[in-house]
N, C-alpha and C. Protein backbone atom coordinates (compact mmCIF):
# COMPACT_ATOMS: atom_id res chain seq x y z
N UNK A 1 1.11 -0.92 0.19
CA UNK A 1 -0.07 0.07 -0.10
C UNK A 1 0.81 0.94 -0.03
N UNK A 2 0.35 2.20 -0.71
CA UNK A 2 1.61 3.11 -0.61
C UNK A 2 1.06 4.50 0.15
N UNK A 3 1.95 5.26 0.75
CA UNK A 3 1.52 6.01 2.20
C UNK A 3 2.26 6.94 1.56
N UNK A 4 1.21 8.26 2.11
CA UNK A 4 1.47 9.28 1.43
C UNK A 4 2.60 10.22 2.84
N UNK A 5 3.86 10.73 2.27
CA UNK A 5 5.09 11.46 3.07
C UNK A 5 4.07 12.92 3.62
N UNK A 6 4.45 12.67 5.48
CA UNK A 6 3.93 14.11 6.15
C UNK A 6 5.02 15.00 5.31
N UNK A 7 4.47 16.06 4.91
CA UNK A 7 5.19 16.99 4.09
C UNK A 7 4.96 18.47 5.59
N UNK A 8 6.08 19.15 5.88
CA UNK A 8 5.75 20.31 6.52
C UNK A 8 4.76 21.64 5.65
N UNK A 9 4.36 21.25 4.70
CA UNK A 9 3.36 21.99 3.60
C UNK A 9 2.12 22.93 4.38
N UNK A 10 1.75 23.43 3.88
CA UNK A 10 0.76 25.28 4.85
C UNK A 10 -0.78 23.59 5.26
N UNK A 11 -0.65 23.89 6.59
CA UNK A 11 -2.21 23.47 6.76
C UNK A 11 -3.48 23.38 5.95
N UNK A 12 -4.26 22.35 5.44
CA UNK A 12 -5.31 22.21 5.29
C UNK A 12 -6.53 23.55 6.14
N UNK A 13 -6.81 24.28 4.97
CA UNK A 13 -7.74 25.32 5.81
C UNK A 13 -8.42 24.90 6.17
N UNK A 14 -8.95 25.30 7.16
CA UNK A 14 -10.56 24.70 7.98
C UNK A 14 -11.81 24.52 6.58
N UNK A 15 -12.24 23.64 7.01
CA UNK A 15 -13.45 23.79 5.98
C UNK A 15 -14.19 24.53 5.59
N UNK A 16 -15.10 25.53 4.04
CA UNK A 16 -14.94 26.26 3.95
C UNK A 16 -16.75 26.19 4.30
N UNK A 17 -16.97 27.80 4.81
CA UNK A 17 -18.63 27.61 4.43
C UNK A 17 -19.40 27.40 3.61
N UNK A 18 -20.28 26.83 3.02
CA UNK A 18 -20.77 27.26 1.39
C UNK A 18 -20.35 28.08 0.86
N UNK A 19 -20.52 29.58 1.41
CA UNK A 19 -20.33 30.59 0.41
C UNK A 19 -18.83 30.35 0.19
N UNK A 20 -18.06 29.84 1.06
CA UNK A 20 -16.87 30.22 0.53
C UNK A 20 -16.36 28.95 0.06
N UNK A 21 -17.02 28.11 -0.63
CA UNK A 21 -16.49 26.25 -0.87
C UNK A 21 -15.97 26.66 -2.78
N UNK A 22 -16.51 27.83 -3.41
CA UNK A 22 -16.04 27.99 -4.77
C UNK A 22 -14.77 28.85 -5.14
N UNK A 23 -14.85 30.01 -2.94
CA UNK A 23 -12.97 30.12 -3.25
C UNK A 23 -11.97 29.08 -3.07
N UNK A 24 -12.33 27.90 -2.58
CA UNK A 24 -11.47 27.04 -1.93
C UNK A 24 -11.36 26.32 -2.79
N UNK A 25 -12.39 25.79 -3.65
CA UNK A 25 -11.62 25.27 -4.85
C UNK A 25 -10.97 26.23 -6.17
N UNK A 26 -11.50 27.13 -6.53
CA UNK A 26 -10.39 28.14 -6.80
C UNK A 26 -9.18 27.39 -5.79
N UNK A 27 -8.80 27.37 -4.87
CA UNK A 27 -7.63 27.81 -4.48
C UNK A 27 -6.79 26.10 -4.50
N UNK A 28 -7.53 24.82 -5.00
CA UNK A 28 -7.17 23.82 -5.14
C UNK A 28 -6.83 24.12 -6.32
N UNK A 29 -7.66 24.31 -7.33
CA UNK A 29 -6.95 24.92 -8.46
C UNK A 29 -5.99 25.33 -8.71
N UNK A 30 -5.78 26.45 -8.79
CA UNK A 30 -4.35 27.66 -8.18
C UNK A 30 -3.34 26.20 -8.13
N UNK A 31 -3.14 25.47 -6.84
CA UNK A 31 -2.36 24.72 -6.46
C UNK A 31 -2.04 23.60 -6.51
N UNK A 32 -3.16 22.98 -7.04
CA UNK A 32 -2.54 21.31 -7.57
C UNK A 32 -2.40 21.31 -8.78
N UNK A 33 -3.45 22.36 -9.98
CA UNK A 33 -3.70 22.03 -11.30
C UNK A 33 -2.60 21.57 -12.27
N UNK A 34 -1.09 21.93 -11.78
CA UNK A 34 -0.24 21.53 -12.65
C UNK A 34 0.93 20.48 -11.92
N UNK A 35 0.70 20.10 -10.78
CA UNK A 35 0.91 19.06 -10.49
C UNK A 35 0.55 17.74 -10.52
N UNK A 36 -1.04 18.14 -10.38
CA UNK A 36 -1.43 16.93 -10.57
C UNK A 36 -1.51 16.36 -12.27
N UNK A 37 -1.27 17.57 -13.08
CA UNK A 37 -0.76 17.40 -14.83
C UNK A 37 0.07 16.48 -14.71
N UNK A 38 0.95 17.08 -14.15
CA UNK A 38 2.75 16.22 -13.90
C UNK A 38 2.25 14.39 -13.62
N UNK A 39 1.57 14.34 -12.87
CA UNK A 39 1.27 13.11 -12.09
C UNK A 39 0.84 13.15 -12.94
N UNK A 40 0.11 12.85 -13.96
CA UNK A 40 -1.26 12.45 -15.21
C UNK A 40 -0.32 12.09 -16.24
N UNK A 41 1.08 12.78 -16.29
CA UNK A 41 1.35 12.98 -17.55
C UNK A 41 2.37 11.60 -17.27
N UNK A 42 2.95 11.60 -15.81
CA UNK A 42 3.84 10.82 -16.04
C UNK A 42 3.19 8.91 -15.84
N UNK A 43 1.42 9.15 -15.93
CA UNK A 43 1.28 7.33 -15.51
C UNK A 43 0.53 6.84 -16.88
N UNK A 44 -0.06 8.14 -17.68
CA UNK A 44 -0.92 8.31 -18.80
C UNK A 44 -0.32 7.84 -20.14
N UNK A 45 -0.87 7.39 -20.85
CA UNK A 45 0.10 7.57 -22.50
C UNK A 45 -0.25 8.62 -23.15
N UNK A 46 -2.27 8.43 -22.93
CA UNK A 46 -3.12 8.95 -23.82
C UNK A 46 -2.96 10.85 -23.54
N UNK A 47 -1.67 11.63 -24.08
CA UNK A 47 -1.87 12.61 -23.68
C UNK A 47 -2.97 13.49 -23.80
N UNK A 48 -4.12 13.09 -24.43
CA UNK A 48 -5.23 13.80 -24.82
C UNK A 48 -6.27 13.50 -23.65
N UNK A 49 -6.21 12.65 -22.49
CA UNK A 49 -7.07 12.43 -21.65
C UNK A 49 -6.53 13.04 -20.43
N UNK A 50 -5.29 13.55 -20.53
CA UNK A 50 -5.03 14.46 -19.05
C UNK A 50 -5.95 15.60 -18.16
N UNK A 51 -6.07 16.38 -18.81
CA UNK A 51 -7.47 17.43 -18.44
C UNK A 51 -8.26 17.40 -18.54
N UNK A 52 -8.91 15.91 -19.16
CA UNK A 52 -10.68 15.14 -18.35
C UNK A 52 -9.58 14.28 -17.32
N UNK A 53 -8.69 13.79 -16.75
CA UNK A 53 -8.25 13.13 -15.93
C UNK A 53 -7.99 14.42 -14.51
N UNK A 54 -7.67 15.59 -15.00
CA UNK A 54 -7.32 16.73 -14.16
C UNK A 54 -8.70 16.86 -13.53
N UNK A 55 -9.58 17.24 -14.30
CA UNK A 55 -11.20 17.76 -14.57
C UNK A 55 -11.82 17.15 -13.08
N UNK A 56 -11.55 15.60 -13.61
CA UNK A 56 -12.78 14.30 -12.80
C UNK A 56 -11.86 14.38 -11.35
N UNK A 57 -10.87 14.82 -11.37
CA UNK A 57 -10.18 15.39 -9.63
C UNK A 57 -10.86 16.06 -9.43
N UNK A 58 -10.75 16.83 -10.19
CA UNK A 58 -11.47 18.25 -9.20
C UNK A 58 -13.33 18.73 -9.42
N UNK A 59 -13.88 17.68 -9.77
CA UNK A 59 -14.96 17.56 -9.60
C UNK A 59 -15.71 16.33 -8.49
N UNK A 60 -14.28 15.47 -8.20
CA UNK A 60 -14.53 14.60 -7.13
C UNK A 60 -14.71 15.32 -5.61
N UNK A 61 -13.37 16.11 -5.77
CA UNK A 61 -13.16 17.34 -4.65
C UNK A 61 -14.46 18.37 -4.57
N UNK A 62 -14.97 18.64 -5.76
CA UNK A 62 -16.28 19.43 -5.55
C UNK A 62 -17.32 18.81 -5.02
N UNK A 63 -17.51 17.72 -5.29
CA UNK A 63 -18.37 16.85 -4.77
C UNK A 63 -18.06 16.51 -3.22
N UNK A 64 -16.84 16.71 -2.39
CA UNK A 64 -16.66 16.74 -1.15
C UNK A 64 -17.29 17.51 -0.33
N UNK A 65 -18.92 16.69 0.58
CA UNK A 65 -18.81 18.23 1.71
C UNK A 65 -18.21 18.75 2.36
N UNK A 66 -16.88 18.58 2.84
CA UNK A 66 -16.75 19.29 3.13
C UNK A 66 -14.87 18.06 3.69
N UNK A 67 -13.46 19.07 4.34
CA UNK A 67 -12.24 19.20 4.42
C UNK A 67 -12.14 18.77 5.41
N UNK A 68 -13.11 18.80 6.50
CA UNK A 68 -12.81 19.43 8.31
C UNK A 68 -11.75 18.03 8.55
N UNK A 69 -11.87 16.52 8.11
CA UNK A 69 -11.06 15.31 9.07
C UNK A 69 -10.13 15.39 7.60
N UNK A 70 -9.12 15.68 7.32
CA UNK A 70 -7.99 15.82 6.30
C UNK A 70 -6.97 16.66 6.64
N UNK A 71 -5.90 15.30 6.99
CA UNK A 71 -5.22 15.86 7.72
C UNK A 71 -4.08 16.48 6.97
N UNK A 72 -3.70 15.79 5.73
CA UNK A 72 -3.36 16.10 4.63
C UNK A 72 -3.74 16.20 3.32
N UNK A 73 -4.07 17.31 3.09
CA UNK A 73 -4.44 17.41 1.86
C UNK A 73 -3.86 17.17 0.77
N UNK A 74 -2.78 17.34 0.57
CA UNK A 74 -1.95 17.46 -0.91
C UNK A 74 -2.00 15.70 -0.74
N UNK A 75 -1.74 14.84 0.17
CA UNK A 75 -1.58 13.01 0.24
C UNK A 75 -2.56 13.52 -0.50
N UNK A 76 -4.45 13.82 0.38
CA UNK A 76 -5.70 13.27 -0.34
C UNK A 76 -5.91 13.51 -1.70
N UNK A 77 -5.19 14.94 -2.50
CA UNK A 77 -5.53 15.33 -3.43
C UNK A 77 -4.72 14.12 -4.69
N UNK A 78 -3.61 13.83 -3.95
CA UNK A 78 -2.59 12.77 -5.13
C UNK A 78 -3.34 11.45 -4.66
N UNK A 79 -4.46 11.12 -4.10
CA UNK A 79 -4.90 9.74 -3.73
C UNK A 79 -6.24 10.02 -4.57
N UNK A 80 -6.99 10.71 -4.44
CA UNK A 80 -8.01 11.15 -5.71
C UNK A 80 -7.71 10.90 -6.81
N UNK A 81 -6.26 10.75 -7.38
CA UNK A 81 -6.14 11.01 -8.75
C UNK A 81 -5.48 9.59 -8.71
N UNK A 82 -4.87 9.21 -8.02
CA UNK A 82 -4.31 7.80 -8.05
C UNK A 82 -6.00 6.90 -7.88
N UNK A 83 -7.52 7.31 -7.52
CA UNK A 83 -8.47 7.00 -7.51
C UNK A 83 -9.34 7.11 -9.34
N UNK A 84 -8.79 7.90 -9.66
CA UNK A 84 -9.44 8.24 -11.15
C UNK A 84 -8.37 7.47 -11.98
N UNK A 85 -7.28 7.07 -11.53
CA UNK A 85 -6.54 6.11 -12.90
C UNK A 85 -6.98 5.00 -11.98
N UNK A 86 -7.05 4.64 -11.04
CA UNK A 86 -7.57 2.20 -11.52
C UNK A 86 -9.39 3.09 -11.80
N UNK A 87 -10.01 4.12 -11.51
CA UNK A 87 -11.50 4.06 -12.29
C UNK A 87 -11.67 4.12 -13.75
N UNK A 88 -10.83 4.53 -14.80
CA UNK A 88 -10.25 4.62 -15.70
C UNK A 88 -9.89 3.23 -16.38
N UNK A 89 -9.03 3.06 -15.15
CA UNK A 89 -8.15 1.32 -16.38
C UNK A 89 -9.55 0.28 -15.66
N UNK A 90 -10.40 0.02 -14.91
CA UNK A 90 -11.49 -0.21 -14.73
C UNK A 90 -12.55 -0.47 -16.10
N UNK A 91 -12.77 0.69 -16.34
CA UNK A 91 -13.53 0.89 -16.96
C UNK A 91 -13.34 0.77 -18.45
N UNK A 92 -11.56 0.93 -19.05
CA UNK A 92 -11.47 0.38 -19.83
C UNK A 92 -11.87 -1.41 -19.94
N UNK A 93 -10.74 -1.72 -19.26
CA UNK A 93 -11.50 -3.05 -19.03
C UNK A 93 -12.68 -3.60 -19.23
N UNK A 94 -13.82 -3.24 -18.92
CA UNK A 94 -14.88 -3.66 -19.14
C UNK A 94 -15.43 -3.68 -20.23
N UNK A 95 -15.83 -2.27 -20.70
CA UNK A 95 -14.86 -2.05 -22.05
C UNK A 95 -14.71 -2.44 -23.11
N UNK A 96 -13.91 -3.43 -22.76
CA UNK A 96 -12.91 -4.06 -23.85
C UNK A 96 -12.32 -2.91 -24.78
N UNK A 97 -11.61 -1.71 -24.03
CA UNK A 97 -11.19 -0.76 -25.39
C UNK A 97 -10.21 -0.57 -25.87
N UNK A 98 -9.07 -1.72 -25.79
CA UNK A 98 -8.05 -2.05 -26.43
C UNK A 98 -8.36 -3.04 -27.60
N UNK A 99 -9.67 -3.53 -27.67
CA UNK A 99 -9.79 -4.69 -28.77
C UNK A 99 -10.23 -3.77 -29.58
N UNK A 100 -10.85 -2.41 -29.46
CA UNK A 100 -11.50 -1.61 -30.59
C UNK A 100 -10.40 -0.54 -31.07
N UNK A 101 -10.82 -0.79 -32.64
CA UNK A 101 -9.79 0.08 -33.48
C UNK A 101 -10.48 1.51 -33.82
N UNK A 102 -9.39 2.09 -33.85
CA UNK A 102 -9.55 3.90 -33.56
C UNK A 102 -10.28 4.17 -34.99
N UNK A 103 -10.69 5.33 -34.59
CA UNK A 103 -11.53 6.22 -36.14
C UNK A 103 -11.06 5.91 -36.45
N UNK A 104 -9.59 7.03 -36.11
CA UNK A 104 -8.94 7.09 -38.12
C UNK A 104 -8.48 6.73 -38.65
N UNK A 105 -8.71 5.06 -38.25
CA UNK A 105 -8.54 4.01 -39.41
C UNK A 105 -10.12 3.48 -39.74
N UNK A 106 -11.37 3.69 -39.30
CA UNK A 106 -12.37 2.99 -40.27
C UNK A 106 -12.65 3.92 -41.10
N UNK A 107 -13.01 3.43 -42.60
CA UNK A 107 -13.78 3.98 -43.38
C UNK A 107 -14.95 3.83 -43.22
N UNK A 108 -15.62 5.05 -42.90
CA UNK A 108 -17.00 5.27 -42.81
C UNK A 108 -17.97 6.41 -43.56
N UNK A 109 -19.04 5.87 -44.02
CA UNK A 109 -19.57 7.01 -45.28
C UNK A 109 -19.74 8.20 -45.03
N UNK A 110 -18.98 8.59 -45.79
CA UNK A 110 -19.16 11.10 -45.09
C UNK A 110 -20.80 10.81 -45.41
N UNK A 111 -20.97 11.81 -45.19
CA UNK A 111 -22.24 12.74 -44.98
C UNK A 111 -22.16 13.24 -46.81
N UNK A 112 -22.42 12.34 -47.42
CA UNK A 112 -22.66 12.66 -49.22
C UNK A 112 -24.37 13.12 -49.09
N UNK A 113 -24.59 14.65 -48.76
CA UNK A 113 -25.86 14.92 -49.60
C UNK A 113 -25.39 16.18 -49.86
N UNK A 114 -24.56 16.00 -51.03
CA UNK A 114 -23.90 16.92 -51.58
C UNK A 114 -25.43 17.58 -52.74
N UNK A 115 -25.28 19.18 -52.89
CA UNK A 115 -26.73 18.68 -53.73
C UNK A 115 -26.39 18.44 -54.90
N UNK A 116 -25.59 17.89 -55.59
CA UNK A 116 -25.30 17.22 -56.78
C UNK A 116 -26.27 16.08 -56.30
N UNK A 117 -25.55 14.86 -55.82
CA UNK A 117 -26.23 14.30 -55.17
C UNK A 117 -27.82 13.69 -55.00
N UNK A 118 -27.91 14.85 -54.20
CA UNK A 118 -29.62 14.98 -53.91
C UNK A 118 -30.44 15.43 -55.43
N UNK A 119 -30.07 15.64 -55.91
CA UNK A 119 -30.44 16.48 -57.50
C UNK A 119 -30.24 14.91 -58.52
N UNK A 120 -29.28 13.71 -57.85
CA UNK A 120 -29.17 13.03 -58.86
C UNK A 120 -30.02 11.42 -58.24
N UNK A 121 -30.43 11.87 -56.86
CA UNK A 121 -31.48 11.29 -56.79
C UNK A 121 -32.70 11.08 -57.11
N UNK A 122 -32.95 13.27 -56.91
CA UNK A 122 -34.40 12.71 -56.96
C UNK A 122 -34.85 12.60 -58.99
N UNK A 123 -34.01 12.83 -59.66
CA UNK A 123 -33.86 12.06 -60.90
C UNK A 123 -34.29 10.98 -60.76
N UNK A 124 -33.14 9.75 -60.29
CA UNK A 124 -33.72 8.49 -60.24
C UNK A 124 -35.17 8.35 -59.76
N UNK A 125 -35.76 9.51 -58.52
CA UNK A 125 -36.93 8.64 -58.36
C UNK A 125 -37.93 8.89 -59.17
N UNK A 126 -37.66 10.63 -60.13
CA UNK A 126 -38.71 10.53 -60.90
C UNK A 126 -38.71 9.88 -62.33
N UNK A 127 -37.49 9.64 -62.39
CA UNK A 127 -37.91 7.94 -63.94
C UNK A 127 -38.07 6.56 -63.28
N UNK A 128 -38.09 6.82 -62.03
CA UNK A 128 -39.14 5.12 -61.28
C UNK A 128 -40.51 5.36 -61.17
N UNK A 129 -40.90 6.41 -60.18
CA UNK A 129 -42.06 6.58 -60.42
C UNK A 129 -43.04 7.17 -62.24
N UNK A 130 -41.89 7.38 -63.15
CA UNK A 130 -42.86 7.70 -64.48
C UNK A 130 -42.31 6.89 -64.85
N UNK A 131 -41.21 5.56 -64.66
CA UNK A 131 -41.67 4.14 -65.56
C UNK A 131 -43.45 2.98 -64.63
N UNK A 132 -43.28 3.75 -63.69
CA UNK A 132 -44.42 2.57 -62.59
C UNK A 132 -45.68 3.23 -63.86
N UNK A 133 -45.61 4.85 -63.58
CA UNK A 133 -46.47 5.34 -64.71
C UNK A 133 -47.03 4.96 -65.47
N UNK A 134 -46.28 4.25 -66.58
CA UNK A 134 -46.53 3.68 -68.12
C UNK A 134 -46.84 2.66 -67.98
N UNK A 135 -46.60 1.44 -67.19
CA UNK A 135 -47.04 0.38 -66.59
C UNK A 135 -48.87 0.26 -67.48
N UNK A 136 -48.66 -1.09 -67.90
CA UNK A 136 -50.56 -1.21 -67.55
C UNK A 136 -51.05 -0.91 -66.17
N UNK A 137 -52.36 -0.67 -65.88
CA UNK A 137 -52.96 -0.61 -64.75
C UNK A 137 -53.00 -1.88 -63.76
N UNK A 138 -53.61 -2.81 -64.53
CA UNK A 138 -53.15 -4.41 -63.92
C UNK A 138 -51.92 -4.80 -63.69
N UNK A 139 -50.49 -4.32 -64.12
CA UNK A 139 -49.30 -4.78 -63.55
C UNK A 139 -48.93 -3.86 -62.64
N UNK A 140 -49.19 -2.94 -63.06
CA UNK A 140 -48.41 -1.79 -61.87
C UNK A 140 -49.12 -1.86 -60.83
N UNK A 141 -50.08 -2.95 -60.70
CA UNK A 141 -51.79 -2.67 -59.34
C UNK A 141 -50.70 -4.05 -58.60
N UNK A 142 -50.23 -5.16 -59.24
CA UNK A 142 -49.69 -6.35 -59.56
C UNK A 142 -48.51 -6.24 -58.27
N UNK A 143 -47.67 -5.08 -59.31
CA UNK A 143 -46.02 -4.96 -58.14
C UNK A 143 -46.22 -4.08 -57.74
N UNK A 144 -47.22 -3.31 -57.12
CA UNK A 144 -47.42 -2.27 -55.86
C UNK A 144 -47.57 -3.25 -54.76
N UNK A 145 -49.00 -4.34 -54.65
CA UNK A 145 -49.01 -5.32 -54.14
C UNK A 145 -48.02 -5.71 -53.46
N UNK A 146 -47.07 -6.73 -54.14
CA UNK A 146 -46.40 -7.65 -53.99
C UNK A 146 -45.06 -6.70 -53.51
N UNK A 147 -44.44 -5.45 -53.90
CA UNK A 147 -43.38 -4.61 -53.91
C UNK A 147 -43.48 -4.12 -52.28
N UNK A 148 -44.73 -3.29 -52.45
CA UNK A 148 -44.95 -2.01 -51.52
C UNK A 148 -45.80 -2.70 -50.38
N UNK A 149 -46.83 -3.48 -51.07
CA UNK A 149 -47.54 -3.96 -49.48
C UNK A 149 -46.83 -5.35 -49.17
N UNK A 150 -45.96 -6.13 -49.21
CA UNK A 150 -45.64 -6.99 -49.95
C UNK A 150 -46.33 -8.34 -49.13
N UNK A 151 -47.05 -8.39 -49.76
CA UNK A 151 -47.75 -9.01 -50.15
C UNK A 151 -47.74 -10.74 -51.00
N UNK A 152 -47.98 -11.48 -50.91
CA UNK A 152 -47.65 -13.00 -51.31
C UNK A 152 -48.07 -13.14 -52.70
N UNK A 153 -46.84 -13.78 -53.71
CA UNK A 153 -47.19 -13.72 -54.85
C UNK A 153 -49.36 -14.90 -55.20
N UNK A 154 -49.33 -15.78 -53.94
CA UNK A 154 -51.18 -16.09 -54.08
C UNK A 154 -51.65 -15.46 -53.49
N UNK A 155 -51.21 -14.56 -52.59
CA UNK A 155 -52.28 -13.25 -52.05
C UNK A 155 -53.24 -12.49 -52.88
N UNK A 156 -51.92 -12.33 -53.40
CA UNK A 156 -52.41 -10.96 -54.60
C UNK A 156 -53.14 -11.87 -55.36
N UNK A 157 -51.92 -13.15 -56.35
CA UNK A 157 -53.78 -13.77 -57.28
C UNK A 157 -55.34 -13.93 -56.31
N UNK A 158 -55.31 -14.22 -55.74
CA UNK A 158 -56.42 -14.53 -54.53
C UNK A 158 -57.64 -13.34 -54.39
N UNK A 159 -56.80 -12.29 -54.40
CA UNK A 159 -57.51 -11.17 -54.38
C UNK A 159 -57.70 -10.49 -55.61
N UNK A 160 -57.18 -10.22 -56.37
CA UNK A 160 -57.82 -9.77 -57.61
C UNK A 160 -58.61 -11.16 -58.64
N UNK A 161 -58.84 -12.18 -58.19
CA UNK A 161 -59.05 -13.18 -58.69
C UNK A 161 -58.38 -13.84 -59.77
N UNK A 162 -56.82 -14.05 -59.95
CA UNK A 162 -56.16 -14.53 -61.12
C UNK A 162 -55.20 -15.02 -61.00
N UNK A 163 -54.69 -15.91 -61.68
CA UNK A 163 -53.75 -17.53 -61.22
C UNK A 163 -52.60 -16.99 -60.81
N UNK A 164 -51.54 -17.24 -60.07
CA UNK A 164 -50.43 -17.47 -59.81
C UNK A 164 -49.40 -16.69 -60.37
N UNK A 165 -49.72 -17.42 -61.74
CA UNK A 165 -48.74 -17.28 -63.25
C UNK A 165 -49.32 -15.95 -63.95
N UNK A 166 -50.35 -15.90 -63.75
CA UNK A 166 -50.11 -13.86 -64.11
C UNK A 166 -49.55 -13.41 -63.43
N UNK A 167 -49.82 -13.90 -62.42
CA UNK A 167 -49.32 -12.81 -61.31
C UNK A 167 -47.48 -12.20 -61.31
N UNK A 168 -46.82 -14.18 -61.69
CA UNK A 168 -45.63 -14.23 -61.93
C UNK A 168 -45.28 -13.48 -63.52
N UNK A 169 -46.38 -13.51 -63.69
CA UNK A 169 -45.67 -12.74 -65.39
C UNK A 169 -45.72 -11.22 -65.44
N UNK A 170 -47.63 -10.33 -64.47
CA UNK A 170 -47.12 -9.26 -64.79
C UNK A 170 -46.12 -8.68 -63.27
N UNK A 171 -45.42 -9.55 -62.88
CA UNK A 171 -44.64 -9.00 -61.61
C UNK A 171 -42.70 -9.04 -62.62
N UNK A 172 -42.95 -9.78 -63.58
CA UNK A 172 -41.26 -10.00 -63.81
C UNK A 172 -41.31 -9.39 -65.43
N UNK A 173 -42.84 -8.71 -65.92
CA UNK A 173 -43.39 -7.38 -67.35
C UNK A 173 -43.15 -6.26 -65.91
N UNK A 174 -42.97 -5.95 -65.24
CA UNK A 174 -42.70 -4.99 -64.18
C UNK A 174 -41.52 -4.38 -64.32
N UNK A 175 -41.34 -5.74 -64.18
CA UNK A 175 -39.37 -5.35 -62.89
C UNK A 175 -38.38 -5.52 -64.28
N UNK A 176 -39.23 -5.81 -65.30
CA UNK A 176 -38.66 -5.36 -66.84
C UNK A 176 -38.60 -4.09 -67.61
N UNK A 177 -39.49 -3.26 -67.16
CA UNK A 177 -40.03 -2.39 -67.67
C UNK A 177 -39.47 -1.46 -66.80
N UNK A 178 -39.40 -1.73 -65.42
CA UNK A 178 -38.55 -0.56 -64.39
C UNK A 178 -37.53 -0.92 -64.79
N UNK A 179 -36.67 -2.16 -64.78
CA UNK A 179 -35.25 -1.26 -65.34
C UNK A 179 -34.24 -0.79 -66.23
N UNK A 180 -34.94 -1.05 -67.23
CA UNK A 180 -35.44 -0.30 -68.79
C UNK A 180 -35.63 0.95 -68.31
N UNK A 181 -36.42 1.61 -67.75
CA UNK A 181 -36.43 2.87 -67.51
C UNK A 181 -35.54 3.53 -66.09
N UNK A 182 -35.22 2.93 -65.58
CA UNK A 182 -34.40 3.71 -64.58
C UNK A 182 -32.65 3.69 -65.47
N UNK A 183 -31.97 2.67 -66.33
CA UNK A 183 -31.11 2.90 -66.72
C UNK A 183 -30.94 3.99 -68.04
N UNK A 184 -32.01 4.53 -68.38
CA UNK A 184 -32.14 5.82 -69.19
C UNK A 184 -30.89 6.81 -68.67
């Protein structure tokens, strides 16, 4: 177990009254921010996390109701810092952080909503709708029931009182026509 040495440092100020607690935290920040930063720099590889870890120490100190029973404030502050590191290691282990790929190496799709892309999408939709409207009414009806309503071929045949083969014929006809219309 690690023990903090007693130092002849300035005595811990008495517990601040509620109005002075902010001033006390400002005092702690001025006194310990640099030493805490150095402490974390020696123990943490990811330099981008250091400011967050220092801030976590001050958050934990701010949540403490009083400091009256702390004999050595500096030792206490650095014990909180050690606990912050321990908690960080535990969180990373639970989340299997070492198994994750860095985001910089991932090939993620970009937000490709450029005006040209939107225009192309609209034009494609217009061609599809135009092709759909060019179909004979019965073929269009069969196609819509199958593709957009999700009905099975047998259900379509029963509801329209036609054979399943006729449903297949209309679907094949609609698909071929739609494909040609989208190729334009």
